[in-house]
Amino acid sequence: MNLHNPARPAAVLAHERDGGIAILTLNRPAARNSLSEALLGALSQAFTDIAADRSVRAVVLAANGPAFCAGHDLKELTARRSDADGGRAYFKHIMTTCSAMMQKIVALPQPVVAAVQGAASAAGCQLVASCDLAIASEAARFATPGVDIGLFCSTPMVALSRNVARKHAMEMLLTGDMVEAERAAEIGLVNRVVHAGEEREAALALAQRIASKSSYTLKVGKEAFYRQLEMGLAEAYAYASEVMTENMMARDADEGICAFIEKRKPSWEDR
């Protein structure tokens, strides 16, 4: 052993590129990829960097080990109960940091596809729900089990309730029961289920299909999708009409429509 050059600890978040696809991999397998303060910070910084990188056209979010993400790091949180305020300030800091990171996924110009290979619980389930799309292994499971330990999954509830119908969300939140992958697809928490071990490849293939489109159009569409969801019907149509008008003026819309009429493949310039 070389004591002068000890091995660096593995990064809590691994970064890879596959052409225009950025692949982020949660890398705390021994801790079931729980969202420690360090991992939250790494994810937040990664999304900030990706948002500014025009060469990234889509993102795949995956995880190493048997679990996708077990939620918050409860050991890290519990250790702060010895703080003078009982941990209140730290708890608020972590919840606020986590909520901001989840919102970065929604605000990201590029679509994000989750590749879920194992259990995603509490804030881990929230992470899946925050992604634009999700591919699940048949071995994946989903739960918001905070109620079992006296801690209602209130922040995971925000993303969950915006993905599945109210009664499905309430059942998950009130019982804490694990939901099988196929059931998660039925209620709209994930897009589809694949054989175990194929989820990352399937997520990457989906991301590549999306990345073949105009990144300008995807950015416009993703932002509009989430904004109109929070509006009333008339307001949503008025907003969407303005978005489509502006989109029609874009170079890629002109090119895409002409290519369709001329029966040729469009050449995107992402503007």
C-alpha atoms as a PDB file:
ATOM      1  CA  MET A   1       0.000   0.000   0.000  1.00  0.00           C
ATOM      2  CA  ASN A   2       1.272   3.440  -0.908  1.00  0.00           C
ATOM      3  CA  LEU A   3       0.641   5.530   2.199  1.00  0.00           C
ATOM      4  CA  HIS A   4       1.796   8.684   0.470  1.00  0.00           C
ATOM      5  CA  ASN A   5      -0.920   8.466  -2.208  1.00  0.00           C
ATOM      6  CA  PRO A   6      -4.014   7.028  -0.591  1.00  0.00           C
ATOM      7  CA  ALA A   7      -6.896   6.312  -2.931  1.00  0.00           C
ATOM      8  CA  ARG A   8      -9.350   9.146  -3.213  1.00  0.00           C
ATOM      9  CA  PRO A   9     -12.822   8.387  -1.950  1.00  0.00           C
ATOM     10  CA  ALA A  10     -15.263   7.725  -4.769  1.00  0.00           C
ATOM     11  CA  ALA A  11     -17.316  10.716  -5.868  1.00  0.00           C
ATOM     12  CA  VAL A  12     -20.870  10.639  -4.553  1.00  0.00           C
ATOM     13  CA  LEU A  13     -22.080  11.494  -8.056  1.00  0.00           C
ATOM     14  CA  ALA A  14     -20.486   9.982 -11.162  1.00  0.00           C
ATOM     15  CA  HIS A  15     -20.483  11.925 -14.451  1.00  0.00           C
ATOM     16  CA  GLU A  16     -20.344  10.400 -17.939  1.00  0.00           C
ATOM     17  CA  ARG A  17     -21.088  11.529 -21.484  1.00  0.00           C
ATOM     18  CA  ASP A  18     -22.503   9.542 -24.375  1.00  0.00           C
ATOM     19  CA  GLY A  19     -22.531  11.985 -27.262  1.00  0.00           C
ATOM     20  CA  GLY A  20     -25.058  14.663 -26.378  1.00  0.00           C
ATOM     21  CA  ILE A  21     -26.344  12.720 -23.369  1.00  0.00           C
ATOM     22  CA  ALA A  22     -25.092  13.547 -19.872  1.00  0.00           C
ATOM     23  CA  ILE A  23     -25.308  10.555 -17.533  1.00  0.00           C
ATOM     24  CA  LEU A  24     -25.395  11.285 -13.809  1.00  0.00           C
ATOM     25  CA  THR A  25     -25.102   8.287 -11.496  1.00  0.00           C
ATOM     26  CA  LEU A  26     -25.834   8.366  -7.769  1.00  0.00           C
ATOM     27  CA  ASN A  27     -22.805   6.691  -6.239  1.00  0.00           C
ATOM     28  CA  ARG A  28     -23.395   5.955  -2.558  1.00  0.00           C
ATOM     29  CA  PRO A  29     -24.405   2.304  -2.929  1.00  0.00           C
ATOM     30  CA  ALA A  30     -23.405   1.339   0.620  1.00  0.00           C
ATOM     31  CA  ALA A  31     -25.802   4.017   1.917  1.00  0.00           C
ATOM     32  CA  ARG A  32     -28.509   3.048  -0.602  1.00  0.00           C
ATOM     33  CA  ASN A  33     -27.727   6.299  -2.422  1.00  0.00           C
ATOM     34  CA  SER A  34     -29.379   8.340   0.300  1.00  0.00           C
ATOM     35  CA  LEU A  35     -29.343  12.072  -0.337  1.00  0.00           C
ATOM     36  CA  SER A  36     -26.598  13.309   1.934  1.00  0.00           C
ATOM     37  CA  GLU A  37     -25.763  16.988   2.008  1.00  0.00           C
ATOM     38  CA  ALA A  38     -22.774  16.254  -0.231  1.00  0.00           C
ATOM     39  CA  LEU A  39     -24.872  14.375  -2.785  1.00  0.00           C
ATOM     40  CA  LEU A  40     -27.524  17.098  -2.827  1.00  0.00           C
ATOM     41  CA  GLY A  41     -24.791  19.648  -3.471  1.00  0.00           C
ATOM     42  CA  ALA A  42     -23.250  17.546  -6.233  1.00  0.00           C
ATOM     43  CA  LEU A  43     -26.603  17.085  -7.973  1.00  0.00           C
ATOM     44  CA  SER A  44     -27.427  20.775  -7.704  1.00  0.00           C
ATOM     45  CA  GLN A  45     -24.072  21.793  -9.180  1.00  0.00           C
ATOM     46  CA  ALA A  46     -24.364  19.203 -11.946  1.00  0.00           C
ATOM     47  CA  PHE A  47     -27.760  20.548 -13.020  1.00  0.00           C
ATOM     48  CA  THR A  48     -26.446  24.122 -12.918  1.00  0.00           C
ATOM     49  CA  ASP A  49     -23.536  23.137 -15.155  1.00  0.00           C
ATOM     50  CA  ILE A  50     -25.712  21.143 -17.555  1.00  0.00           C
ATOM     51  CA  ALA A  51     -28.205  23.987 -17.922  1.00  0.00           C
ATOM     52  CA  ALA A  52     -25.407  26.177 -19.270  1.00  0.00           C
ATOM     53  CA  ASP A  53     -23.915  23.513 -21.556  1.00  0.00           C
ATOM     54  CA  ARG A  54     -25.489  23.632 -25.007  1.00  0.00           C
ATOM     55  CA  SER A  55     -23.701  20.438 -26.019  1.00  0.00           C
ATOM     56  CA  VAL A  56     -25.883  18.479 -23.580  1.00  0.00           C
ATOM     57  CA  ARG A  57     -29.179  17.613 -25.250  1.00  0.00           C
ATOM     58  CA  ALA A  58     -30.672  15.264 -22.641  1.00  0.00           C
ATOM     59  CA  VAL A  59     -29.823  13.775 -19.243  1.00  0.00           C
ATOM     60  CA  VAL A  60     -30.052  10.265 -17.817  1.00  0.00           C
ATOM     61  CA  LEU A  61     -30.161   9.981 -14.023  1.00  0.00           C
ATOM     62  CA  ALA A  62     -29.159   6.538 -12.773  1.00  0.00           C
ATOM     63  CA  ALA A  63     -27.772   4.919  -9.632  1.00  0.00           C
ATOM     64  CA  ASN A  64     -25.179   2.331  -8.615  1.00  0.00           C
ATOM     65  CA  GLY A  65     -25.955  -0.567  -6.305  1.00  0.00           C
ATOM     66  CA  PRO A  66     -29.180  -2.434  -5.495  1.00  0.00           C
ATOM     67  CA  ALA A  67     -31.195   0.655  -4.478  1.00  0.00           C
ATOM     68  CA  PHE A  68     -31.937   3.713  -6.604  1.00  0.00           C
ATOM     69  CA  CYS A  69     -32.288   6.128  -3.675  1.00  0.00           C
ATOM     70  CA  ALA A  70     -33.454   5.636  -0.095  1.00  0.00           C
ATOM     71  CA  GLY A  71     -34.335   9.295   0.435  1.00  0.00           C
ATOM     72  CA  HIS A  72     -32.673  11.610   2.911  1.00  0.00           C
ATOM     73  CA  ASP A  73     -29.678  10.426   4.906  1.00  0.00           C
ATOM     74  CA  LEU A  74     -31.426   9.906   8.252  1.00  0.00           C
ATOM     75  CA  LYS A  75     -28.168   9.218  10.099  1.00  0.00           C
ATOM     76  CA  GLU A  76     -26.782  12.558   8.931  1.00  0.00           C
ATOM     77  CA  LEU A  77     -29.970  14.329   9.976  1.00  0.00           C
ATOM     78  CA  THR A  78     -30.254  12.596  13.352  1.00  0.00           C
ATOM     79  CA  ALA A  79     -26.661  13.491  14.217  1.00  0.00           C
ATOM     80  CA  ARG A  80     -27.694  17.169  14.283  1.00  0.00           C
ATOM     81  CA  ARG A  81     -30.257  16.705  17.074  1.00  0.00           C
ATOM     82  CA  SER A  82     -27.411  17.545  19.432  1.00  0.00           C
ATOM     83  CA  ASP A  83     -27.236  21.077  17.971  1.00  0.00           C
ATOM     84  CA  ALA A  84     -28.291  23.873  20.296  1.00  0.00           C
ATOM     85  CA  ASP A  85     -31.606  24.233  18.457  1.00  0.00           C
ATOM     86  CA  GLY A  86     -32.222  20.489  18.312  1.00  0.00           C
ATOM     87  CA  GLY A  87     -31.282  20.467  14.636  1.00  0.00           C
ATOM     88  CA  ARG A  88     -34.054  22.776  13.419  1.00  0.00           C
ATOM     89  CA  ALA A  89     -31.805  25.069  11.359  1.00  0.00           C
ATOM     90  CA  TYR A  90     -29.979  22.153   9.749  1.00  0.00           C
ATOM     91  CA  PHE A  91     -33.201  20.295   8.968  1.00  0.00           C
ATOM     92  CA  LYS A  92     -34.590  23.420   7.287  1.00  0.00           C
ATOM     93  CA  HIS A  93     -31.335  23.862   5.358  1.00  0.00           C
ATOM     94  CA  ILE A  94     -31.454  20.290   4.043  1.00  0.00           C
ATOM     95  CA  MET A  95     -35.139  20.386   3.112  1.00  0.00           C
ATOM     96  CA  THR A  96     -34.731  23.746   1.377  1.00  0.00           C
ATOM     97  CA  THR A  97     -31.592  22.548  -0.451  1.00  0.00           C
ATOM     98  CA  CYS A  98     -33.317  19.356  -1.569  1.00  0.00           C
ATOM     99  CA  SER A  99     -36.420  21.213  -2.744  1.00  0.00           C
ATOM    100  CA  ALA A 100     -34.279  23.657  -4.739  1.00  0.00           C
ATOM    101  CA  MET A 101     -32.404  20.757  -6.375  1.00  0.00           C
ATOM    102  CA  MET A 102     -35.657  19.041  -7.372  1.00  0.00           C
ATOM    103  CA  GLN A 103     -36.890  22.287  -8.920  1.00  0.00           C
ATOM    104  CA  LYS A 104     -33.664  22.553 -10.921  1.00  0.00           C
ATOM    105  CA  ILE A 105     -34.618  19.303 -12.667  1.00  0.00           C
ATOM    106  CA  VAL A 106     -37.969  20.775 -13.676  1.00  0.00           C
ATOM    107  CA  ALA A 107     -36.366  24.062 -14.742  1.00  0.00           C
ATOM    108  CA  LEU A 108     -33.551  22.384 -16.675  1.00  0.00           C
ATOM    109  CA  PRO A 109     -33.761  23.164 -20.415  1.00  0.00           C
ATOM    110  CA  GLN A 110     -32.858  19.565 -21.236  1.00  0.00           C
ATOM    111  CA  PRO A 111     -35.228  16.639 -20.603  1.00  0.00           C
ATOM    112  CA  VAL A 112     -34.204  14.292 -17.771  1.00  0.00           C
ATOM    113  CA  VAL A 113     -34.849  10.538 -17.891  1.00  0.00           C
ATOM    114  CA  ALA A 114     -34.551   8.479 -14.700  1.00  0.00           C
ATOM    115  CA  ALA A 115     -33.226   4.914 -14.979  1.00  0.00           C
ATOM    116  CA  VAL A 116     -34.561   3.209 -11.849  1.00  0.00           C
ATOM    117  CA  GLN A 117     -32.945  -0.141 -11.085  1.00  0.00           C
ATOM    118  CA  GLY A 118     -34.095  -0.649  -7.493  1.00  0.00           C
ATOM    119  CA  ALA A 119     -36.051   0.808  -4.609  1.00  0.00           C
ATOM    120  CA  ALA A 120     -36.820   4.537  -4.704  1.00  0.00           C
ATOM    121  CA  SER A 121     -38.328   5.663  -1.426  1.00  0.00           C
ATOM    122  CA  ALA A 122     -39.241   8.960   0.234  1.00  0.00           C
ATOM    123  CA  ALA A 123     -37.063  11.680  -1.354  1.00  0.00           C
ATOM    124  CA  GLY A 124     -35.814   8.980  -3.745  1.00  0.00           C
ATOM    125  CA  CYS A 125     -39.364   8.561  -5.017  1.00  0.00           C
ATOM    126  CA  GLN A 126     -39.546  12.358  -5.174  1.00  0.00           C
ATOM    127  CA  LEU A 127     -36.410  12.348  -7.326  1.00  0.00           C
ATOM    128  CA  VAL A 128     -38.003   9.959  -9.820  1.00  0.00           C
ATOM    129  CA  ALA A 129     -41.224  11.985  -9.858  1.00  0.00           C
ATOM    130  CA  SER A 130     -39.248  15.182 -10.483  1.00  0.00           C
ATOM    131  CA  CYS A 131     -37.643  13.784 -13.632  1.00  0.00           C
ATOM    132  CA  ASP A 132     -39.471  14.372 -16.897  1.00  0.00           C
ATOM    133  CA  LEU A 133     -39.508  10.682 -17.793  1.00  0.00           C
ATOM    134  CA  ALA A 134     -38.651   7.454 -15.992  1.00  0.00           C
ATOM    135  CA  ILE A 135     -37.771   3.920 -17.058  1.00  0.00           C
ATOM    136  CA  ALA A 136     -38.027   1.315 -14.301  1.00  0.00           C
ATOM    137  CA  SER A 137     -36.542  -2.125 -13.940  1.00  0.00           C
ATOM    138  CA  GLU A 138     -39.052  -4.836 -13.062  1.00  0.00           C
ATOM    139  CA  ALA A 139     -37.100  -5.023  -9.782  1.00  0.00           C
ATOM    140  CA  ALA A 140     -37.779  -1.356  -8.952  1.00  0.00           C
ATOM    141  CA  ARG A 141     -40.074  -0.427  -6.080  1.00  0.00           C
ATOM    142  CA  PHE A 142     -41.501   2.924  -5.029  1.00  0.00           C
ATOM    143  CA  ALA A 143     -42.693   4.220  -1.667  1.00  0.00           C
ATOM    144  CA  THR A 144     -43.214   7.294   0.475  1.00  0.00           C
ATOM    145  CA  PRO A 145     -42.825   5.493   3.821  1.00  0.00           C
ATOM    146  CA  GLY A 146     -42.192   8.439   6.119  1.00  0.00           C
ATOM    147  CA  VAL A 147     -45.473   7.755   7.917  1.00  0.00           C
ATOM    148  CA  ASP A 148     -43.909   4.529   9.247  1.00  0.00           C
ATOM    149  CA  ILE A 149     -41.285   6.487  11.198  1.00  0.00           C
ATOM    150  CA  GLY A 150     -43.445   9.436  12.238  1.00  0.00           C
ATOM    151  CA  LEU A 151     -42.228  11.724   9.462  1.00  0.00           C
ATOM    152  CA  PHE A 152     -44.848  12.365   6.782  1.00  0.00           C
ATOM    153  CA  CYS A 153     -43.307  12.624   3.311  1.00  0.00           C
ATOM    154  CA  SER A 154     -44.446  16.211   2.812  1.00  0.00           C
ATOM    155  CA  THR A 155     -41.787  17.349   0.352  1.00  0.00           C
ATOM    156  CA  PRO A 156     -41.905  14.101  -1.694  1.00  0.00           C
ATOM    157  CA  MET A 157     -45.674  14.665  -1.763  1.00  0.00           C
ATOM    158  CA  VAL A 158     -45.223  17.790  -3.911  1.00  0.00           C
ATOM    159  CA  ALA A 159     -43.639  15.914  -6.817  1.00  0.00           C
ATOM    160  CA  LEU A 160     -45.679  12.732  -6.321  1.00  0.00           C
ATOM    161  CA  SER A 161     -49.024  14.542  -6.370  1.00  0.00           C
ATOM    162  CA  ARG A 162     -48.046  16.256  -9.620  1.00  0.00           C
ATOM    163  CA  ASN A 163     -47.432  12.892 -11.292  1.00  0.00           C
ATOM    164  CA  VAL A 164     -50.192  10.571 -10.151  1.00  0.00           C
ATOM    165  CA  ALA A 165     -53.890  11.000  -9.365  1.00  0.00           C
ATOM    166  CA  ARG A 166     -54.767  12.259  -5.884  1.00  0.00           C
ATOM    167  CA  LYS A 167     -56.098   9.015  -4.481  1.00  0.00           C
ATOM    168  CA  HIS A 168     -53.072   7.049  -5.679  1.00  0.00           C
ATOM    169  CA  ALA A 169     -50.766   9.653  -4.141  1.00  0.00           C
ATOM    170  CA  MET A 170     -52.707   9.669  -0.875  1.00  0.00           C
ATOM    171  CA  GLU A 171     -52.631   5.890  -0.638  1.00  0.00           C
ATOM    172  CA  MET A 172     -48.850   5.880  -1.019  1.00  0.00           C
ATOM    173  CA  LEU A 173     -48.440   8.721   1.483  1.00  0.00           C
ATOM    174  CA  LEU A 174     -50.856   7.394   4.111  1.00  0.00           C
ATOM    175  CA  THR A 175     -49.834   3.723   4.033  1.00  0.00           C
ATOM    176  CA  GLY A 176     -46.135   3.949   3.199  1.00  0.00           C
ATOM    177  CA  ASP A 177     -46.567   0.711   1.240  1.00  0.00           C
ATOM    178  CA  MET A 178     -44.152  -0.272  -1.509  1.00  0.00           C
ATOM    179  CA  VAL A 179     -45.548  -0.016  -5.040  1.00  0.00           C
ATOM    180  CA  GLU A 180     -44.323  -2.556  -7.566  1.00  0.00           C
ATOM    181  CA  ALA A 181     -42.830  -1.337 -10.841  1.00  0.00           C
ATOM    182  CA  GLU A 182     -45.778  -2.410 -12.987  1.00  0.00           C
ATOM    183  CA  ARG A 183     -48.208  -0.642 -10.662  1.00  0.00           C
ATOM    184  CA  ALA A 184     -46.012   2.479 -10.772  1.00  0.00           C
ATOM    185  CA  ALA A 185     -46.368   2.444 -14.557  1.00  0.00           C
ATOM    186  CA  GLU A 186     -50.143   1.990 -14.281  1.00  0.00           C
ATOM    187  CA  ILE A 187     -50.539   5.062 -12.071  1.00  0.00           C
ATOM    188  CA  GLY A 188     -48.173   7.209 -14.130  1.00  0.00           C
ATOM    189  CA  LEU A 189     -45.169   7.420 -11.834  1.00  0.00           C
ATOM    190  CA  VAL A 190     -42.928   5.835 -14.492  1.00  0.00           C
ATOM    191  CA  ASN A 191     -43.281   5.584 -18.265  1.00  0.00           C
ATOM    192  CA  ARG A 192     -42.499   1.916 -18.707  1.00  0.00           C
ATOM    193  CA  VAL A 193     -40.985  -1.170 -17.117  1.00  0.00           C
ATOM    194  CA  VAL A 194     -38.187  -3.238 -18.643  1.00  0.00           C
ATOM    195  CA  HIS A 195     -36.327  -6.395 -17.668  1.00  0.00           C
ATOM    196  CA  ALA A 196     -33.905  -6.018 -14.769  1.00  0.00           C
ATOM    197  CA  GLY A 197     -30.536  -4.795 -15.985  1.00  0.00           C
ATOM    198  CA  GLU A 198     -31.967  -3.162 -19.111  1.00  0.00           C
ATOM    199  CA  GLU A 199     -33.245   0.047 -17.521  1.00  0.00           C
ATOM    200  CA  ARG A 200     -30.136   2.163 -18.113  1.00  0.00           C
ATOM    201  CA  GLU A 201     -29.859   1.106 -21.754  1.00  0.00           C
ATOM    202  CA  ALA A 202     -33.568   1.779 -22.269  1.00  0.00           C
ATOM    203  CA  ALA A 203     -33.323   5.194 -20.600  1.00  0.00           C
ATOM    204  CA  LEU A 204     -30.306   6.062 -22.726  1.00  0.00           C
ATOM    205  CA  ALA A 205     -32.121   4.977 -25.906  1.00  0.00           C
ATOM    206  CA  LEU A 206     -35.096   7.163 -24.967  1.00  0.00           C
ATOM    207  CA  ALA A 207     -32.797  10.099 -24.201  1.00  0.00           C
ATOM    208  CA  GLN A 208     -31.077   9.660 -27.560  1.00  0.00           C
ATOM    209  CA  ARG A 209     -34.422   9.725 -29.381  1.00  0.00           C
ATOM    210  CA  ILE A 210     -35.283  12.962 -27.628  1.00  0.00           C
ATOM    211  CA  ALA A 211     -31.817  14.405 -28.255  1.00  0.00           C
ATOM    212  CA  SER A 212     -32.355  14.017 -32.008  1.00  0.00           C
ATOM    213  CA  LYS A 213     -34.933  16.830 -31.878  1.00  0.00           C
ATOM    214  CA  SER A 214     -34.253  20.562 -31.890  1.00  0.00           C
ATOM    215  CA  SER A 215     -32.948  21.453 -28.432  1.00  0.00           C
ATOM    216  CA  TYR A 216     -34.513  24.906 -28.789  1.00  0.00           C
ATOM    217  CA  THR A 217     -37.928  23.347 -29.355  1.00  0.00           C
ATOM    218  CA  LEU A 218     -37.484  20.953 -26.434  1.00  0.00           C
ATOM    219  CA  LYS A 219     -36.508  23.815 -24.131  1.00  0.00           C
ATOM    220  CA  VAL A 220     -39.544  25.874 -25.150  1.00  0.00           C
ATOM    221  CA  GLY A 221     -41.870  22.903 -24.826  1.00  0.00           C
ATOM    222  CA  LYS A 222     -40.605  21.658 -21.473  1.00  0.00           C
ATOM    223  CA  GLU A 223     -40.879  25.089 -19.882  1.00  0.00           C
ATOM    224  CA  ALA A 224     -44.367  25.585 -21.295  1.00  0.00           C
ATOM    225  CA  PHE A 225     -45.517  22.146 -20.129  1.00  0.00           C
ATOM    226  CA  TYR A 226     -44.737  22.798 -16.477  1.00  0.00           C
ATOM    227  CA  ARG A 227     -45.913  26.414 -16.472  1.00  0.00           C
ATOM    228  CA  GLN A 228     -49.327  25.712 -17.987  1.00  0.00           C
ATOM    229  CA  LEU A 229     -50.007  22.928 -15.474  1.00  0.00           C
ATOM    230  CA  GLU A 230     -50.291  25.522 -12.716  1.00  0.00           C
ATOM    231  CA  MET A 231     -52.744  27.722 -14.663  1.00  0.00           C
ATOM    232  CA  GLY A 232     -56.488  27.739 -15.129  1.00  0.00           C
ATOM    233  CA  LEU A 233     -57.796  26.436 -18.464  1.00  0.00           C
ATOM    234  CA  ALA A 234     -58.315  29.788 -20.200  1.00  0.00           C
ATOM    235  CA  GLU A 235     -55.016  31.172 -18.923  1.00  0.00           C
ATOM    236  CA  ALA A 236     -53.204  28.013 -20.013  1.00  0.00           C
ATOM    237  CA  TYR A 237     -54.584  28.263 -23.551  1.00  0.00           C
ATOM    238  CA  ALA A 238     -53.714  31.962 -23.785  1.00  0.00           C
ATOM    239  CA  TYR A 239     -50.175  31.262 -22.584  1.00  0.00           C
ATOM    240  CA  ALA A 240     -49.739  28.232 -24.863  1.00  0.00           C
ATOM    241  CA  SER A 241     -50.977  30.246 -27.859  1.00  0.00           C
ATOM    242  CA  GLU A 242     -48.300  32.865 -27.200  1.00  0.00           C
ATOM    243  CA  VAL A 243     -45.660  30.158 -26.851  1.00  0.00           C
ATOM    244  CA  MET A 244     -46.676  28.546 -30.146  1.00  0.00           C
ATOM    245  CA  THR A 245     -46.660  31.894 -31.920  1.00  0.00           C
ATOM    246  CA  GLU A 246     -43.124  32.600 -30.740  1.00  0.00           C
ATOM    247  CA  ASN A 247     -42.094  29.028 -31.552  1.00  0.00           C
ATOM    248  CA  MET A 248     -43.438  29.419 -35.109  1.00  0.00           C
ATOM    249  CA  MET A 249     -41.074  32.364 -35.588  1.00  0.00           C
ATOM    250  CA  ALA A 250     -38.036  30.243 -34.690  1.00  0.00           C
ATOM    251  CA  ARG A 251     -35.623  29.093 -37.352  1.00  0.00           C
ATOM    252  CA  ASP A 252     -36.011  25.400 -36.441  1.00  0.00           C
ATOM    253  CA  ALA A 253     -39.809  25.547 -36.753  1.00  0.00           C
ATOM    254  CA  ASP A 254     -39.435  27.045 -40.242  1.00  0.00           C
ATOM    255  CA  GLU A 255     -36.883  24.374 -41.137  1.00  0.00           C
ATOM    256  CA  GLY A 256     -38.894  21.528 -39.630  1.00  0.00           C
ATOM    257  CA  ILE A 257     -42.135  22.472 -41.387  1.00  0.00           C
ATOM    258  CA  CYS A 258     -40.351  22.930 -44.718  1.00  0.00           C
ATOM    259  CA  ALA A 259     -38.595  19.579 -44.296  1.00  0.00           C
ATOM    260  CA  PHE A 260     -41.940  17.899 -43.585  1.00  0.00           C
ATOM    261  CA  ILE A 261     -43.544  19.442 -46.666  1.00  0.00           C
ATOM    262  CA  GLU A 262     -40.514  18.566 -48.807  1.00  0.00           C
ATOM    263  CA  LYS A 263     -40.340  15.037 -47.342  1.00  0.00           C
ATOM    264  CA  ARG A 264     -36.756  15.323 -46.138  1.00  0.00           C
ATOM    265  CA  LYS A 265     -34.938  15.121 -42.833  1.00  0.00           C
ATOM    266  CA  PRO A 266     -34.701  18.479 -41.017  1.00  0.00           C
ATOM    267  CA  SER A 267     -31.362  20.054 -40.210  1.00  0.00           C
ATOM    268  CA  TRP A 268     -31.547  21.625 -36.757  1.00  0.00           C
ATOM    269  CA  GLU A 269     -29.604  24.676 -35.660  1.00  0.00           C
ATOM    270  CA  ASP A 270     -31.185  24.751 -32.173  1.00  0.00           C
ATOM    271  CA  ARG A 271     -32.580  28.240 -32.560  1.00  0.00           C
END
